Amino acid sequence: MKTGSSGDEMNSEINVTPMVDVMLVLLIIFMVTAPLMTSGVDIDLPQVTAQKVEDAEGKLVLSITKDRKLRLGDTPVKWTDLEATLAANEKLKKDRAIHVEADASLPYAVVVTAMAVAKNAGIPKVLLLTDPATNLKLEDLETPVVVAP
C-alpha cells in the first residue's frame, strides 16, 4: 500500500486563475473600445420647438447629408437604388412608415424628392425629423429672404 503522493499522479483540479486573468483583460479591452464604436452621420437638423418622439422598437431613418448622400439606417444607399431598397425592406413593409432626417442646408427640393421616392415605393407615412430646440423665432420668419439669381 502506498502512502503519500508521488510525482507521477495527475492533478484533476482546474486552475481558474489564468482564466479569470484572461476574462478581466478582455473585459477591460471591451470597456475601452465600446465607446469608440459608436458611429453616426453628421447632419445639421433644422431646429424647432417640438416634443421628442420615443419609439421602443426603433424607427427606420432615411438620412440625407449636406453632400446629398443617403443612408437608410446605417446602410449607404444610392439615389438610383432608393426606391427598390425601400420597397424591399421588411421593416418598412411592416411599419408602413419611414422617418426622414435631412441637413438644414439642403434645398427643399432634395428632401421632397426623397419623400416622393418613398411614397412611390409604397410607404404611406413619411415623417420628418427635426432637432428640438427653441432657437427659431417666429418673428425671424417674417423677414423676406433675398435669393441670389
Protein backbone atom coordinates (compact mmCIF):
# COMPACT_ATOMS: atom_id res chain seq x y z
CA MET A 1 0.00 0.00 0.00
CA LYS A 2 1.31 3.40 -0.97
CA THR A 3 1.10 6.35 1.32
CA GLY A 4 1.55 9.99 0.42
CA SER A 5 1.58 11.34 -3.10
CA SER A 6 4.04 10.57 -5.78
CA GLY A 7 5.09 12.90 -8.58
CA ASP A 8 3.51 10.69 -11.26
CA GLU A 9 -0.11 11.39 -10.34
CA MET A 10 -2.12 13.92 -12.37
CA ASN A 11 -3.90 16.80 -10.71
CA SER A 12 -7.51 16.81 -11.92
CA GLU A 13 -8.41 20.21 -10.43
CA ILE A 14 -8.87 23.09 -12.85
CA ASN A 15 -6.69 26.12 -12.18
CA VAL A 16 -9.14 29.01 -12.58
CA THR A 17 -6.68 31.86 -12.01
CA PRO A 18 -5.37 32.13 -15.62
CA MET A 19 -8.94 32.02 -16.97
CA VAL A 20 -10.00 34.83 -14.62
CA ASP A 21 -6.97 36.87 -15.69
CA VAL A 22 -7.84 36.47 -19.38
CA MET A 23 -11.50 37.37 -18.74
CA LEU A 24 -10.53 40.53 -16.85
CA VAL A 25 -8.20 41.62 -19.65
CA LEU A 26 -10.98 41.05 -22.21
CA LEU A 27 -13.42 42.98 -20.04
CA ILE A 28 -11.04 45.94 -19.88
CA ILE A 29 -10.46 45.84 -23.64
CA PHE A 30 -14.20 45.86 -24.37
CA MET A 31 -14.82 48.65 -21.84
CA VAL A 32 -12.18 50.81 -23.52
CA THR A 33 -13.19 50.11 -27.12
CA ALA A 34 -17.02 50.15 -26.76
CA PRO A 35 -17.33 53.97 -26.64
CA LEU A 36 -15.17 54.22 -29.76
CA MET A 37 -17.52 52.03 -31.79
CA THR A 38 -20.40 54.50 -31.92
CA SER A 39 -20.82 55.93 -35.37
CA GLY A 40 -23.26 58.33 -36.88
CA VAL A 41 -23.98 60.63 -39.75
CA ASP A 42 -23.14 64.33 -39.41
CA ILE A 43 -26.38 66.16 -40.14
CA ASP A 44 -27.29 69.67 -39.13
CA LEU A 45 -31.03 69.21 -38.46
CA PRO A 46 -33.41 72.18 -38.56
CA GLN A 47 -34.10 73.41 -35.06
CA VAL A 48 -37.72 73.77 -33.94
CA THR A 49 -39.69 73.59 -30.76
CA ALA A 50 -41.12 70.08 -30.67
CA GLN A 51 -41.51 67.13 -28.38
CA LYS A 52 -39.19 64.17 -28.78
CA VAL A 53 -40.71 61.09 -30.38
CA GLU A 54 -39.81 57.91 -28.50
CA ASP A 55 -40.02 54.51 -30.15
CA ALA A 56 -39.15 51.39 -28.18
CA GLU A 57 -38.62 49.18 -31.28
CA GLY A 58 -36.53 51.75 -33.08
CA LYS A 59 -37.55 53.66 -36.14
CA LEU A 60 -36.09 53.27 -39.60
CA VAL A 61 -34.48 56.58 -40.57
CA LEU A 62 -33.55 57.79 -44.03
CA SER A 63 -30.74 60.34 -43.57
CA ILE A 64 -29.70 62.90 -46.19
CA THR A 65 -26.34 64.57 -45.54
CA LYS A 66 -25.38 68.04 -46.72
CA ASP A 67 -23.46 66.50 -49.63
CA ARG A 68 -26.73 64.70 -50.65
CA LYS A 69 -25.61 61.21 -49.67
CA LEU A 70 -28.31 58.83 -48.44
CA ARG A 71 -28.24 56.37 -45.55
CA LEU A 72 -31.06 54.00 -44.64
CA GLY A 73 -30.32 53.29 -41.00
CA ASP A 74 -26.57 52.61 -41.11
CA THR A 75 -26.52 51.45 -44.73
CA PRO A 76 -25.41 53.80 -47.53
CA VAL A 77 -27.90 53.88 -50.42
CA LYS A 78 -27.60 55.42 -53.89
CA TRP A 79 -30.36 57.71 -55.13
CA THR A 80 -30.94 55.42 -58.11
CA ASP A 81 -31.42 52.38 -55.83
CA LEU A 82 -33.52 54.14 -53.19
CA GLU A 83 -36.99 53.15 -54.41
CA ALA A 84 -36.09 49.48 -54.85
CA THR A 85 -34.34 49.38 -51.47
CA LEU A 86 -37.32 50.93 -49.69
CA ALA A 87 -39.81 48.65 -51.46
CA ALA A 88 -37.83 45.54 -50.48
CA ASN A 89 -37.27 46.49 -46.81
CA GLU A 90 -39.19 44.16 -44.47
CA LYS A 91 -39.39 46.64 -41.57
CA LEU A 92 -40.95 49.24 -43.87
CA LYS A 93 -43.46 46.69 -45.13
CA LYS A 94 -44.49 46.01 -41.53
CA ASP A 95 -44.39 49.57 -40.14
CA ARG A 96 -45.55 51.30 -43.36
CA ALA A 97 -43.73 54.45 -42.17
CA ILE A 98 -40.27 55.97 -42.59
CA HIS A 99 -38.60 58.86 -40.79
CA VAL A 100 -36.58 61.30 -42.89
CA GLU A 101 -33.84 63.48 -41.44
CA ALA A 102 -32.08 65.95 -43.69
CA ASP A 103 -29.39 68.56 -43.23
CA ALA A 104 -30.83 72.05 -42.74
CA SER A 105 -28.67 73.46 -45.54
CA LEU A 106 -30.22 71.19 -48.20
CA PRO A 107 -32.59 72.66 -50.77
CA TYR A 108 -36.24 71.82 -50.15
CA ALA A 109 -36.45 70.02 -53.50
CA VAL A 110 -33.90 67.40 -52.40
CA VAL A 111 -35.92 66.48 -49.30
CA VAL A 112 -39.20 66.45 -51.24
CA THR A 113 -37.63 64.20 -53.88
CA ALA A 114 -36.64 61.68 -51.19
CA MET A 115 -40.17 61.84 -49.77
CA ALA A 116 -41.69 61.30 -53.23
CA VAL A 117 -39.44 58.28 -53.86
CA ALA A 118 -40.58 56.82 -50.51
CA LYS A 119 -44.23 57.34 -51.49
CA ASN A 120 -43.58 55.69 -54.88
CA ALA A 121 -42.05 52.72 -53.02
CA GLY A 122 -45.40 52.16 -51.31
CA ILE A 123 -44.71 53.81 -47.94
CA PRO A 124 -47.86 55.74 -46.96
CA LYS A 125 -46.38 57.60 -43.96
CA VAL A 126 -43.28 59.73 -44.45
CA LEU A 127 -42.35 61.56 -41.24
CA LEU A 128 -39.80 64.37 -40.93
CA LEU A 129 -37.38 64.55 -38.01
CA THR A 130 -36.21 67.85 -36.57
CA ASP A 131 -33.86 68.95 -33.82
CA PRO A 132 -36.00 70.02 -30.84
CA ALA A 133 -34.73 73.42 -29.74
CA THR A 134 -36.06 76.91 -29.12
CA ASN A 135 -33.57 78.85 -31.26
CA LEU A 136 -36.00 79.66 -34.09
CA LYS A 137 -38.09 82.79 -33.51
CA LEU A 138 -41.32 83.22 -35.42
CA GLU A 139 -40.56 86.91 -35.92
CA ASP A 140 -37.47 85.95 -37.91
CA LEU A 141 -39.65 84.07 -40.40
CA GLU A 142 -41.47 87.31 -41.33
CA THR A 143 -38.28 88.83 -42.75
CA PRO A 144 -38.07 88.29 -46.53
CA VAL A 145 -35.05 86.38 -47.79
CA VAL A 146 -33.11 87.73 -50.76
CA VAL A 147 -32.37 84.91 -53.20
CA ALA A 148 -29.35 85.30 -55.47
CA PRO A 149 -30.12 84.79 -59.17
